[in-house]
Amino acid sequence: MEDLTKDQQFFLVALYKEYISRQSTLDPVSANYFSDSDSLIPLLGVDFSSEYVGDICLALLDKGYISGYKDEDSVSELGLSDKTIIYMENRFKNNLKSILDFVAKFKPF
């Protein structure tokens, strides 16, 4: 993930946190489904504009970190790619506390 900005890294960790949280009530496919980039804004806990989140999603889609459908200026029907989930599983060992610590330390630019 050395090819990502700090905002993009934060975004992926926040999405992974939501994915892990949803697994207690949803199957893995449903837990990894997000309707569009705008639906992610409340999950981030920071003040990113819809346009900026759309730009982040487009960059992550192009780099293979998320899957989904490219719209004109955002991504719809998106989820974490397998390579991202594998990376996060190894980085955080499914420990929600370590994910929350990472997210808490994030300072948007």
PDB file of N, CA and C in Angstrom:
ATOM      1  N   MET A   1       0.817  -1.201   0.000  1.00  0.00           N
ATOM      2  CA  MET A   1       0.000   0.000   0.000  1.00  0.00           C
ATOM      3  C   MET A   1       0.858   1.261   0.000  1.00  0.00           C
ATOM      4  N   GLU A   2       2.093   1.088  -0.399  1.00  0.00           N
ATOM      5  CA  GLU A   2       2.988   2.241  -0.467  1.00  0.00           C
ATOM      6  C   GLU A   2       2.611   3.183  -1.604  1.00  0.00           C
ATOM      7  N   ASP A   3       1.728   2.744  -2.500  1.00  0.00           N
ATOM      8  CA  ASP A   3       1.313   3.571  -3.628  1.00  0.00           C
ATOM      9  C   ASP A   3       0.052   4.387  -3.326  1.00  0.00           C
ATOM     10  N   LEU A   4      -0.324   4.468  -2.047  1.00  0.00           N
ATOM     11  CA  LEU A   4      -1.534   5.187  -1.650  1.00  0.00           C
ATOM     12  C   LEU A   4      -1.206   6.399  -0.796  1.00  0.00           C
ATOM     13  N   THR A   5      -2.058   7.425  -0.908  1.00  0.00           N
ATOM     14  CA  THR A   5      -1.940   8.578  -0.022  1.00  0.00           C
ATOM     15  C   THR A   5      -2.432   8.182   1.372  1.00  0.00           C
ATOM     16  N   LYS A   6      -2.163   9.017   2.342  1.00  0.00           N
ATOM     17  CA  LYS A   6      -2.647   8.743   3.701  1.00  0.00           C
ATOM     18  C   LYS A   6      -4.176   8.730   3.741  1.00  0.00           C
ATOM     19  N   ASP A   7      -4.810   9.623   3.003  1.00  0.00           N
ATOM     20  CA  ASP A   7      -6.272   9.645   2.958  1.00  0.00           C
ATOM     21  C   ASP A   7      -6.811   8.352   2.354  1.00  0.00           C
ATOM     22  N   GLN A   8      -6.183   7.860   1.297  1.00  0.00           N
ATOM     23  CA  GLN A   8      -6.623   6.619   0.679  1.00  0.00           C
ATOM     24  C   GLN A   8      -6.433   5.439   1.625  1.00  0.00           C
ATOM     25  N   GLN A   9      -5.314   5.410   2.341  1.00  0.00           N
ATOM     26  CA  GLN A   9      -5.081   4.347   3.321  1.00  0.00           C
ATOM     27  C   GLN A   9      -6.130   4.399   4.425  1.00  0.00           C
ATOM     28  N   PHE A  10      -6.387   5.582   4.944  1.00  0.00           N
ATOM     29  CA  PHE A  10      -7.409   5.755   5.976  1.00  0.00           C
ATOM     30  C   PHE A  10      -8.758   5.258   5.470  1.00  0.00           C
ATOM     31  N   PHE A  11      -9.105   5.630   4.251  1.00  0.00           N
ATOM     32  CA  PHE A  11     -10.374   5.246   3.655  1.00  0.00           C
ATOM     33  C   PHE A  11     -10.514   3.723   3.626  1.00  0.00           C
ATOM     34  N   LEU A  12      -9.474   3.022   3.194  1.00  0.00           N
ATOM     35  CA  LEU A  12      -9.521   1.558   3.136  1.00  0.00           C
ATOM     36  C   LEU A  12      -9.654   0.937   4.521  1.00  0.00           C
ATOM     37  N   VAL A  13      -8.945   1.484   5.495  1.00  0.00           N
ATOM     38  CA  VAL A  13      -9.041   0.952   6.861  1.00  0.00           C
ATOM     39  C   VAL A  13     -10.443   1.193   7.415  1.00  0.00           C
ATOM     40  N   ALA A  14     -11.009   2.353   7.163  1.00  0.00           N
ATOM     41  CA  ALA A  14     -12.368   2.642   7.625  1.00  0.00           C
ATOM     42  C   ALA A  14     -13.375   1.683   6.966  1.00  0.00           C
ATOM     43  N   LEU A  15     -13.191   1.403   5.687  1.00  0.00           N
ATOM     44  CA  LEU A  15     -14.063   0.450   4.996  1.00  0.00           C
ATOM     45  C   LEU A  15     -13.884  -0.947   5.561  1.00  0.00           C
ATOM     46  N   TYR A  16     -12.647  -1.324   5.835  1.00  0.00           N
ATOM     47  CA  TYR A  16     -12.381  -2.648   6.406  1.00  0.00           C
ATOM     48  C   TYR A  16     -13.005  -2.767   7.795  1.00  0.00           C
ATOM     49  N   LYS A  17     -12.921  -1.705   8.584  1.00  0.00           N
ATOM     50  CA  LYS A  17     -13.548  -1.692   9.914  1.00  0.00           C
ATOM     51  C   LYS A  17     -15.049  -1.940   9.789  1.00  0.00           C
ATOM     52  N   GLU A  18     -15.682  -1.283   8.844  1.00  0.00           N
ATOM     53  CA  GLU A  18     -17.115  -1.471   8.636  1.00  0.00           C
ATOM     54  C   GLU A  18     -17.412  -2.897   8.169  1.00  0.00           C
ATOM     55  N   TYR A  19     -16.587  -3.409   7.289  1.00  0.00           N
ATOM     56  CA  TYR A  19     -16.736  -4.783   6.796  1.00  0.00           C
ATOM     57  C   TYR A  19     -16.658  -5.783   7.956  1.00  0.00           C
ATOM     58  N   ILE A  20     -15.680  -5.619   8.827  1.00  0.00           N
ATOM     59  CA  ILE A  20     -15.526  -6.508   9.999  1.00  0.00           C
ATOM     60  C   ILE A  20     -16.731  -6.368  10.928  1.00  0.00           C
ATOM     61  N   SER A  21     -17.171  -5.148  11.163  1.00  0.00           N
ATOM     62  CA  SER A  21     -18.312  -4.905  12.052  1.00  0.00           C
ATOM     63  C   SER A  21     -19.593  -5.539  11.521  1.00  0.00           C
ATOM     64  N   ARG A  22     -19.782  -5.501  10.224  1.00  0.00           N
ATOM     65  CA  ARG A  22     -20.993  -6.047   9.614  1.00  0.00           C
ATOM     66  C   ARG A  22     -21.028  -7.576   9.619  1.00  0.00           C
ATOM     67  N   GLN A  23     -19.880  -8.213   9.716  1.00  0.00           N
ATOM     68  CA  GLN A  23     -19.832  -9.667   9.621  1.00  0.00           C
ATOM     69  C   GLN A  23     -20.568 -10.371  10.755  1.00  0.00           C
ATOM     70  N   SER A  24     -20.817  -9.677  11.844  1.00  0.00           N
ATOM     71  CA  SER A  24     -21.550 -10.310  12.938  1.00  0.00           C
ATOM     72  C   SER A  24     -23.027 -10.511  12.589  1.00  0.00           C
ATOM     73  N   THR A  25     -23.542  -9.735  11.625  1.00  0.00           N
ATOM     74  CA  THR A  25     -24.957  -9.850  11.270  1.00  0.00           C
ATOM     75  C   THR A  25     -25.207 -10.170   9.803  1.00  0.00           C
ATOM     76  N   LEU A  26     -24.168 -10.100   8.973  1.00  0.00           N
ATOM     77  CA  LEU A  26     -24.333 -10.338   7.543  1.00  0.00           C
ATOM     78  C   LEU A  26     -23.347 -11.378   7.041  1.00  0.00           C
ATOM     79  N   ASP A  27     -23.675 -12.010   5.939  1.00  0.00           N
ATOM     80  CA  ASP A  27     -22.720 -12.911   5.305  1.00  0.00           C
ATOM     81  C   ASP A  27     -21.586 -12.068   4.708  1.00  0.00           C
ATOM     82  N   PRO A  28     -20.429 -12.667   4.421  1.00  0.00           N
ATOM     83  CA  PRO A  28     -19.275 -11.893   3.939  1.00  0.00           C
ATOM     84  C   PRO A  28     -19.533 -11.068   2.676  1.00  0.00           C
ATOM     85  N   VAL A  29     -20.293 -11.599   1.741  1.00  0.00           N
ATOM     86  CA  VAL A  29     -20.567 -10.850   0.506  1.00  0.00           C
ATOM     87  C   VAL A  29     -21.400  -9.608   0.814  1.00  0.00           C
ATOM     88  N   SER A  30     -22.436  -9.757   1.616  1.00  0.00           N
ATOM     89  CA  SER A  30     -23.277  -8.613   1.981  1.00  0.00           C
ATOM     90  C   SER A  30     -22.518  -7.621   2.852  1.00  0.00           C
ATOM     91  N   ALA A  31     -21.652  -8.110   3.720  1.00  0.00           N
ATOM     92  CA  ALA A  31     -20.865  -7.225   4.586  1.00  0.00           C
ATOM     93  C   ALA A  31     -19.904  -6.369   3.769  1.00  0.00           C
ATOM     94  N   ASN A  32     -19.523  -6.847   2.602  1.00  0.00           N
ATOM     95  CA  ASN A  32     -18.559  -6.143   1.754  1.00  0.00           C
ATOM     96  C   ASN A  32     -19.247  -5.404   0.607  1.00  0.00           C
ATOM     97  N   TYR A  33     -20.515  -5.121   0.737  1.00  0.00           N
ATOM     98  CA  TYR A  33     -21.248  -4.404  -0.313  1.00  0.00           C
ATOM     99  C   TYR A  33     -21.609  -3.008   0.176  1.00  0.00           C
ATOM    100  N   PHE A  34     -21.262  -2.017  -0.631  1.00  0.00           N
ATOM    101  CA  PHE A  34     -21.602  -0.625  -0.353  1.00  0.00           C
ATOM    102  C   PHE A  34     -22.224  -0.056  -1.627  1.00  0.00           C
ATOM    103  N   SER A  35     -23.361   0.582  -1.511  1.00  0.00           N
ATOM    104  CA  SER A  35     -24.122   0.989  -2.696  1.00  0.00           C
ATOM    105  C   SER A  35     -23.391   2.006  -3.571  1.00  0.00           C
ATOM    106  N   ASP A  36     -22.784   3.011  -2.946  1.00  0.00           N
ATOM    107  CA  ASP A  36     -22.048   4.011  -3.728  1.00  0.00           C
ATOM    108  C   ASP A  36     -21.102   4.771  -2.816  1.00  0.00           C
ATOM    109  N   SER A  37     -20.273   5.604  -3.427  1.00  0.00           N
ATOM    110  CA  SER A  37     -19.269   6.321  -2.640  1.00  0.00           C
ATOM    111  C   SER A  37     -19.903   7.280  -1.636  1.00  0.00           C
ATOM    112  N   ASP A  38     -21.031   7.887  -1.977  1.00  0.00           N
ATOM    113  CA  ASP A  38     -21.685   8.803  -1.030  1.00  0.00           C
ATOM    114  C   ASP A  38     -22.158   8.091   0.232  1.00  0.00           C
ATOM    115  N   SER A  39     -22.529   6.817   0.112  1.00  0.00           N
ATOM    116  CA  SER A  39     -22.991   6.080   1.294  1.00  0.00           C
ATOM    117  C   SER A  39     -21.857   5.834   2.287  1.00  0.00           C
ATOM    118  N   LEU A  40     -20.622   6.040   1.860  1.00  0.00           N
ATOM    119  CA  LEU A  40     -19.472   5.799   2.733  1.00  0.00           C
ATOM    120  C   LEU A  40     -19.114   6.998   3.600  1.00  0.00           C
ATOM    121  N   ILE A  41     -19.549   8.162   3.227  1.00  0.00           N
ATOM    122  CA  ILE A  41     -19.155   9.385   3.939  1.00  0.00           C
ATOM    123  C   ILE A  41     -19.470   9.308   5.434  1.00  0.00           C
ATOM    124  N   PRO A  42     -20.661   8.882   5.859  1.00  0.00           N
ATOM    125  CA  PRO A  42     -20.935   8.802   7.300  1.00  0.00           C
ATOM    126  C   PRO A  42     -20.048   7.789   8.035  1.00  0.00           C
ATOM    127  N   LEU A  43     -19.537   6.789   7.327  1.00  0.00           N
ATOM    128  CA  LEU A  43     -18.698   5.767   7.959  1.00  0.00           C
ATOM    129  C   LEU A  43     -17.287   6.265   8.256  1.00  0.00           C
ATOM    130  N   LEU A  44     -16.880   7.335   7.597  1.00  0.00           N
ATOM    131  CA  LEU A  44     -15.500   7.796   7.703  1.00  0.00           C
ATOM    132  C   LEU A  44     -15.220   8.578   8.986  1.00  0.00           C
ATOM    133  N   GLY A  45     -16.211   9.300   9.478  1.00  0.00           N
ATOM    134  CA  GLY A  45     -16.007  10.063  10.702  1.00  0.00           C
ATOM    135  C   GLY A  45     -15.157  11.305  10.507  1.00  0.00           C
ATOM    136  N   VAL A  46     -14.908  11.685   9.269  1.00  0.00           N
ATOM    137  CA  VAL A  46     -14.186  12.915   8.960  1.00  0.00           C
ATOM    138  C   VAL A  46     -14.995  13.688   7.921  1.00  0.00           C
ATOM    139  N   ASP A  47     -14.644  14.937   7.739  1.00  0.00           N
ATOM    140  CA  ASP A  47     -15.416  15.809   6.864  1.00  0.00           C
ATOM    141  C   ASP A  47     -14.849  15.806   5.442  1.00  0.00           C
ATOM    142  N   PHE A  48     -15.045  14.689   4.723  1.00  0.00           N
ATOM    143  CA  PHE A  48     -14.647  14.610   3.323  1.00  0.00           C
ATOM    144  C   PHE A  48     -15.869  14.917   2.469  1.00  0.00           C
ATOM    145  N   SER A  49     -15.686  15.717   1.432  1.00  0.00           N
ATOM    146  CA  SER A  49     -16.786  16.037   0.531  1.00  0.00           C
ATOM    147  C   SER A  49     -17.128  14.839  -0.345  1.00  0.00           C
ATOM    148  N   SER A  50     -18.315  14.869  -0.897  1.00  0.00           N
ATOM    149  CA  SER A  50     -18.760  13.819  -1.804  1.00  0.00           C
ATOM    150  C   SER A  50     -17.816  13.708  -3.002  1.00  0.00           C
ATOM    151  N   GLU A  51     -17.389  14.838  -3.512  1.00  0.00           N
ATOM    152  CA  GLU A  51     -16.471  14.855  -4.655  1.00  0.00           C
ATOM    153  C   GLU A  51     -15.133  14.200  -4.299  1.00  0.00           C
ATOM    154  N   TYR A  52     -14.612  14.516  -3.108  1.00  0.00           N
ATOM    155  CA  TYR A  52     -13.327  13.960  -2.694  1.00  0.00           C
ATOM    156  C   TYR A  52     -13.432  12.450  -2.461  1.00  0.00           C
ATOM    157  N   VAL A  53     -14.491  11.996  -1.840  1.00  0.00           N
ATOM    158  CA  VAL A  53     -14.690  10.558  -1.630  1.00  0.00           C
ATOM    159  C   VAL A  53     -14.826   9.858  -2.976  1.00  0.00           C
ATOM    160  N   GLY A  54     -15.532  10.468  -3.914  1.00  0.00           N
ATOM    161  CA  GLY A  54     -15.632   9.908  -5.259  1.00  0.00           C
ATOM    162  C   GLY A  54     -14.268   9.784  -5.913  1.00  0.00           C
ATOM    163  N   ASP A  55     -13.425  10.821  -5.761  1.00  0.00           N
ATOM    164  CA  ASP A  55     -12.069  10.785  -6.323  1.00  0.00           C
ATOM    165  C   ASP A  55     -11.232   9.678  -5.679  1.00  0.00           C
ATOM    166  N   ILE A  56     -11.343   9.531  -4.361  1.00  0.00           N
ATOM    167  CA  ILE A  56     -10.612   8.463  -3.661  1.00  0.00           C
ATOM    168  C   ILE A  56     -11.061   7.099  -4.183  1.00  0.00           C
ATOM    169  N   CYS A  57     -12.362   6.912  -4.308  1.00  0.00           N
ATOM    170  CA  CYS A  57     -12.883   5.630  -4.791  1.00  0.00           C
ATOM    171  C   CYS A  57     -12.396   5.327  -6.207  1.00  0.00           C
ATOM    172  N   LEU A  58     -12.395   6.333  -7.068  1.00  0.00           N
ATOM    173  CA  LEU A  58     -11.918   6.127  -8.439  1.00  0.00           C
ATOM    174  C   LEU A  58     -10.448   5.723  -8.450  1.00  0.00           C
ATOM    175  N   ALA A  59      -9.637   6.377  -7.633  1.00  0.00           N
ATOM    176  CA  ALA A  59      -8.208   6.037  -7.565  1.00  0.00           C
ATOM    177  C   ALA A  59      -8.015   4.622  -7.038  1.00  0.00           C
ATOM    178  N   LEU A  60      -8.760   4.257  -5.994  1.00  0.00           N
ATOM    179  CA  LEU A  60      -8.637   2.910  -5.410  1.00  0.00           C
ATOM    180  C   LEU A  60      -9.140   1.833  -6.368  1.00  0.00           C
ATOM    181  N   LEU A  61     -10.163   2.147  -7.136  1.00  0.00           N
ATOM    182  CA  LEU A  61     -10.671   1.216  -8.145  1.00  0.00           C
ATOM    183  C   LEU A  61      -9.608   0.996  -9.229  1.00  0.00           C
ATOM    184  N   ASP A  62      -9.019   2.089  -9.692  1.00  0.00           N
ATOM    185  CA  ASP A  62      -7.983   1.998 -10.728  1.00  0.00           C
ATOM    186  C   ASP A  62      -6.767   1.203 -10.258  1.00  0.00           C
ATOM    187  N   LYS A  63      -6.453   1.268  -8.960  1.00  0.00           N
ATOM    188  CA  LYS A  63      -5.295   0.558  -8.411  1.00  0.00           C
ATOM    189  C   LYS A  63      -5.630  -0.849  -7.931  1.00  0.00           C
ATOM    190  N   GLY A  64      -6.911  -1.236  -8.030  1.00  0.00           N
ATOM    191  CA  GLY A  64      -7.312  -2.593  -7.672  1.00  0.00           C
ATOM    192  C   GLY A  64      -7.548  -2.831  -6.194  1.00  0.00           C
ATOM    193  N   TYR A  65      -7.674  -1.775  -5.391  1.00  0.00           N
ATOM    194  CA  TYR A  65      -7.905  -1.943  -3.956  1.00  0.00           C
ATOM    195  C   TYR A  65      -9.383  -2.124  -3.617  1.00  0.00           C
ATOM    196  N   ILE A  66     -10.255  -1.643  -4.505  1.00  0.00           N
ATOM    197  CA  ILE A  66     -11.685  -1.881  -4.357  1.00  0.00           C
ATOM    198  C   ILE A  66     -12.209  -2.389  -5.691  1.00  0.00           C
ATOM    199  N   SER A  67     -13.364  -3.019  -5.648  1.00  0.00           N
ATOM    200  CA  SER A  67     -14.056  -3.426  -6.861  1.00  0.00           C
ATOM    201  C   SER A  67     -15.337  -2.615  -6.947  1.00  0.00           C
ATOM    202  N   GLY A  68     -15.893  -2.512  -8.118  1.00  0.00           N
ATOM    203  CA  GLY A  68     -17.127  -1.763  -8.288  1.00  0.00           C
ATOM    204  C   GLY A  68     -17.284  -1.301  -9.711  1.00  0.00           C
ATOM    205  N   TYR A  69     -18.230  -0.416  -9.906  1.00  0.00           N
ATOM    206  CA  TYR A  69     -18.531   0.106 -11.232  1.00  0.00           C
ATOM    207  C   TYR A  69     -18.212   1.589 -11.276  1.00  0.00           C
ATOM    208  N   LYS A  70     -17.403   1.957 -12.240  1.00  0.00           N
ATOM    209  CA  LYS A  70     -16.989   3.349 -12.395  1.00  0.00           C
ATOM    210  C   LYS A  70     -18.146   4.149 -12.974  1.00  0.00           C
ATOM    211  N   ASP A  71     -18.551   5.162 -12.248  1.00  0.00           N
ATOM    212  CA  ASP A  71     -19.527   6.120 -12.749  1.00  0.00           C
ATOM    213  C   ASP A  71     -18.738   7.308 -13.298  1.00  0.00           C
ATOM    214  N   GLU A  72     -19.438   8.329 -13.677  1.00  0.00           N
ATOM    215  CA  GLU A  72     -18.763   9.499 -14.244  1.00  0.00           C
ATOM    216  C   GLU A  72     -17.741  10.102 -13.271  1.00  0.00           C
ATOM    217  N   ASP A  73     -18.145  10.255 -12.012  1.00  0.00           N
ATOM    218  CA  ASP A  73     -17.242  10.895 -11.055  1.00  0.00           C
ATOM    219  C   ASP A  73     -17.201  10.182  -9.704  1.00  0.00           C
ATOM    220  N   SER A  74     -17.562   8.897  -9.690  1.00  0.00           N
ATOM    221  CA  SER A  74     -17.531   8.125  -8.453  1.00  0.00           C
ATOM    222  C   SER A  74     -17.590   6.632  -8.781  1.00  0.00           C
ATOM    223  N   VAL A  75     -17.843   5.825  -7.768  1.00  0.00           N
ATOM    224  CA  VAL A  75     -17.930   4.375  -7.934  1.00  0.00           C
ATOM    225  C   VAL A  75     -19.214   3.902  -7.251  1.00  0.00           C
ATOM    226  N   SER A  76     -19.899   2.960  -7.885  1.00  0.00           N
ATOM    227  CA  SER A  76     -21.107   2.392  -7.279  1.00  0.00           C
ATOM    228  C   SER A  76     -20.939   0.888  -7.126  1.00  0.00           C
ATOM    229  N   GLU A  77     -21.816   0.308  -6.298  1.00  0.00           N
ATOM    230  CA  GLU A  77     -21.793  -1.124  -6.001  1.00  0.00           C
ATOM    231  C   GLU A  77     -20.367  -1.593  -5.730  1.00  0.00           C
ATOM    232  N   LEU A  78     -19.765  -1.007  -4.695  1.00  0.00           N
ATOM    233  CA  LEU A  78     -18.352  -1.248  -4.439  1.00  0.00           C
ATOM    234  C   LEU A  78     -18.110  -2.089  -3.201  1.00  0.00           C
ATOM    235  N   GLY A  79     -16.912  -2.625  -3.138  1.00  0.00           N
ATOM    236  CA  GLY A  79     -16.469  -3.417  -2.000  1.00  0.00           C
ATOM    237  C   GLY A  79     -14.961  -3.536  -2.021  1.00  0.00           C
ATOM    238  N   LEU A  80     -14.399  -3.994  -0.935  1.00  0.00           N
ATOM    239  CA  LEU A  80     -12.959  -4.203  -0.856  1.00  0.00           C
ATOM    240  C   LEU A  80     -12.562  -5.364  -1.762  1.00  0.00           C
ATOM    241  N   SER A  81     -11.438  -5.223  -2.444  1.00  0.00           N
ATOM    242  CA  SER A  81     -10.950  -6.323  -3.274  1.00  0.00           C
ATOM    243  C   SER A  81     -10.347  -7.402  -2.375  1.00  0.00           C
ATOM    244  N   ASP A  82     -10.184  -8.588  -2.923  1.00  0.00           N
ATOM    245  CA  ASP A  82      -9.579  -9.675  -2.149  1.00  0.00           C
ATOM    246  C   ASP A  82      -8.186  -9.301  -1.671  1.00  0.00           C
ATOM    247  N   LYS A  83      -7.393  -8.634  -2.535  1.00  0.00           N
ATOM    248  CA  LYS A  83      -6.024  -8.285  -2.120  1.00  0.00           C
ATOM    249  C   LYS A  83      -6.037  -7.310  -0.944  1.00  0.00           C
ATOM    250  N   THR A  84      -7.026  -6.432  -0.892  1.00  0.00           N
ATOM    251  CA  THR A  84      -7.125  -5.492   0.225  1.00  0.00           C
ATOM    252  C   THR A  84      -7.531  -6.226   1.502  1.00  0.00           C
ATOM    253  N   ILE A  85      -8.497  -7.115   1.406  1.00  0.00           N
ATOM    254  CA  ILE A  85      -8.928  -7.876   2.584  1.00  0.00           C
ATOM    255  C   ILE A  85      -7.783  -8.716   3.126  1.00  0.00           C
ATOM    256  N   ILE A  86      -7.039  -9.363   2.235  1.00  0.00           N
ATOM    257  CA  ILE A  86      -5.889 -10.175   2.665  1.00  0.00           C
ATOM    258  C   ILE A  86      -4.855  -9.306   3.360  1.00  0.00           C
ATOM    259  N   TYR A  87      -4.560  -8.144   2.789  1.00  0.00           N
ATOM    260  CA  TYR A  87      -3.599  -7.228   3.406  1.00  0.00           C
ATOM    261  C   TYR A  87      -4.077  -6.803   4.800  1.00  0.00           C
ATOM    262  N   MET A  88      -5.339  -6.429   4.911  1.00  0.00           N
ATOM    263  CA  MET A  88      -5.881  -5.967   6.191  1.00  0.00           C
ATOM    264  C   MET A  88      -5.912  -7.095   7.222  1.00  0.00           C
ATOM    265  N   GLU A  89      -6.250  -8.310   6.794  1.00  0.00           N
ATOM    266  CA  GLU A  89      -6.250  -9.446   7.722  1.00  0.00           C
ATOM    267  C   GLU A  89      -4.856  -9.663   8.303  1.00  0.00           C
ATOM    268  N   ASN A  90      -3.849  -9.535   7.476  1.00  0.00           N
ATOM    269  CA  ASN A  90      -2.474  -9.705   7.950  1.00  0.00           C
ATOM    270  C   ASN A  90      -1.994  -8.519   8.780  1.00  0.00           C
ATOM    271  N   ARG A  91      -2.425  -7.328   8.415  1.00  0.00           N
ATOM    272  CA  ARG A  91      -1.985  -6.135   9.135  1.00  0.00           C
ATOM    273  C   ARG A  91      -2.634  -6.022  10.516  1.00  0.00           C
ATOM    274  N   PHE A  92      -3.919  -6.301  10.587  1.00  0.00           N
ATOM    275  CA  PHE A  92      -4.664  -6.101  11.830  1.00  0.00           C
ATOM    276  C   PHE A  92      -5.059  -7.393  12.525  1.00  0.00           C
ATOM    277  N   LYS A  93      -4.829  -8.530  11.919  1.00  0.00           N
ATOM    278  CA  LYS A  93      -5.147  -9.833  12.516  1.00  0.00           C
ATOM    279  C   LYS A  93      -6.577  -9.870  13.048  1.00  0.00           C
ATOM    280  N   ASN A  94      -7.509  -9.214  12.310  1.00  0.00           N
ATOM    281  CA  ASN A  94      -8.932  -9.149  12.680  1.00  0.00           C
ATOM    282  C   ASN A  94      -9.160  -8.558  14.075  1.00  0.00           C
ATOM    283  N   ASN A  95      -8.245  -7.767  14.525  1.00  0.00           N
ATOM    284  CA  ASN A  95      -8.353  -7.149  15.839  1.00  0.00           C
ATOM    285  C   ASN A  95      -8.994  -5.774  15.682  1.00  0.00           C
ATOM    286  N   LEU A  96     -10.252  -5.668  16.035  1.00  0.00           N
ATOM    287  CA  LEU A  96     -10.976  -4.417  15.871  1.00  0.00           C
ATOM    288  C   LEU A  96     -10.334  -3.281  16.666  1.00  0.00           C
ATOM    289  N   LYS A  97      -9.740  -3.583  17.809  1.00  0.00           N
ATOM    290  CA  LYS A  97      -9.103  -2.539  18.611  1.00  0.00           C
ATOM    291  C   LYS A  97      -7.946  -1.890  17.852  1.00  0.00           C
ATOM    292  N   SER A  98      -7.122  -2.677  17.166  1.00  0.00           N
ATOM    293  CA  SER A  98      -6.000  -2.100  16.421  1.00  0.00           C
ATOM    294  C   SER A  98      -6.495  -1.274  15.234  1.00  0.00           C
ATOM    295  N   ILE A  99      -7.610  -1.673  14.644  1.00  0.00           N
ATOM    296  CA  ILE A  99      -8.199  -0.892  13.557  1.00  0.00           C
ATOM    297  C   ILE A  99      -8.699   0.443  14.102  1.00  0.00           C
ATOM    298  N   LEU A 100      -9.397   0.398  15.224  1.00  0.00           N
ATOM    299  CA  LEU A 100      -9.915   1.631  15.826  1.00  0.00           C
ATOM    300  C   LEU A 100      -8.791   2.564  16.240  1.00  0.00           C
ATOM    301  N   ASP A 101      -7.684   2.013  16.741  1.00  0.00           N
ATOM    302  CA  ASP A 101      -6.523   2.832  17.090  1.00  0.00           C
ATOM    303  C   ASP A 101      -5.970   3.545  15.859  1.00  0.00           C
ATOM    304  N   PHE A 102      -5.860   2.833  14.746  1.00  0.00           N
ATOM    305  CA  PHE A 102      -5.373   3.434  13.506  1.00  0.00           C
ATOM    306  C   PHE A 102      -6.282   4.564  13.067  1.00  0.00           C
ATOM    307  N   VAL A 103      -7.582   4.314  13.048  1.00  0.00           N
ATOM    308  CA  VAL A 103      -8.551   5.307  12.599  1.00  0.00           C
ATOM    309  C   VAL A 103      -8.536   6.534  13.521  1.00  0.00           C
ATOM    310  N   ALA A 104      -8.398   6.308  14.819  1.00  0.00           N
ATOM    311  CA  ALA A 104      -8.400   7.413  15.789  1.00  0.00           C
ATOM    312  C   ALA A 104      -7.195   8.346  15.602  1.00  0.00           C
ATOM    313  N   LYS A 105      -6.090   7.792  15.134  1.00  0.00           N
ATOM    314  CA  LYS A 105      -4.865   8.587  14.968  1.00  0.00           C
ATOM    315  C   LYS A 105      -4.852   9.369  13.661  1.00  0.00           C
ATOM    316  N   PHE A 106      -5.807   9.128  12.788  1.00  0.00           N
ATOM    317  CA  PHE A 106      -5.835   9.769  11.478  1.00  0.00           C
ATOM    318  C   PHE A 106      -6.155  11.251  11.601  1.00  0.00           C
ATOM    319  N   LYS A 107      -5.386  12.058  10.928  1.00  0.00           N
ATOM    320  CA  LYS A 107      -5.627  13.501  10.849  1.00  0.00           C
ATOM    321  C   LYS A 107      -5.735  13.872   9.375  1.00  0.00           C
ATOM    322  N   PRO A 108      -6.922  14.213   8.903  1.00  0.00           N
ATOM    323  CA  PRO A 108      -7.046  14.584   7.486  1.00  0.00           C
ATOM    324  C   PRO A 108      -6.265  15.859   7.179  1.00  0.00           C
ATOM    325  N   PHE A 109      -5.815  15.930   5.947  1.00  0.00           N
ATOM    326  CA  PHE A 109      -5.015  17.094   5.537  1.00  0.00           C
ATOM    327  C   PHE A 109      -5.882  18.275   5.229  1.00  0.00           C
TER     328      PHE A 109
END
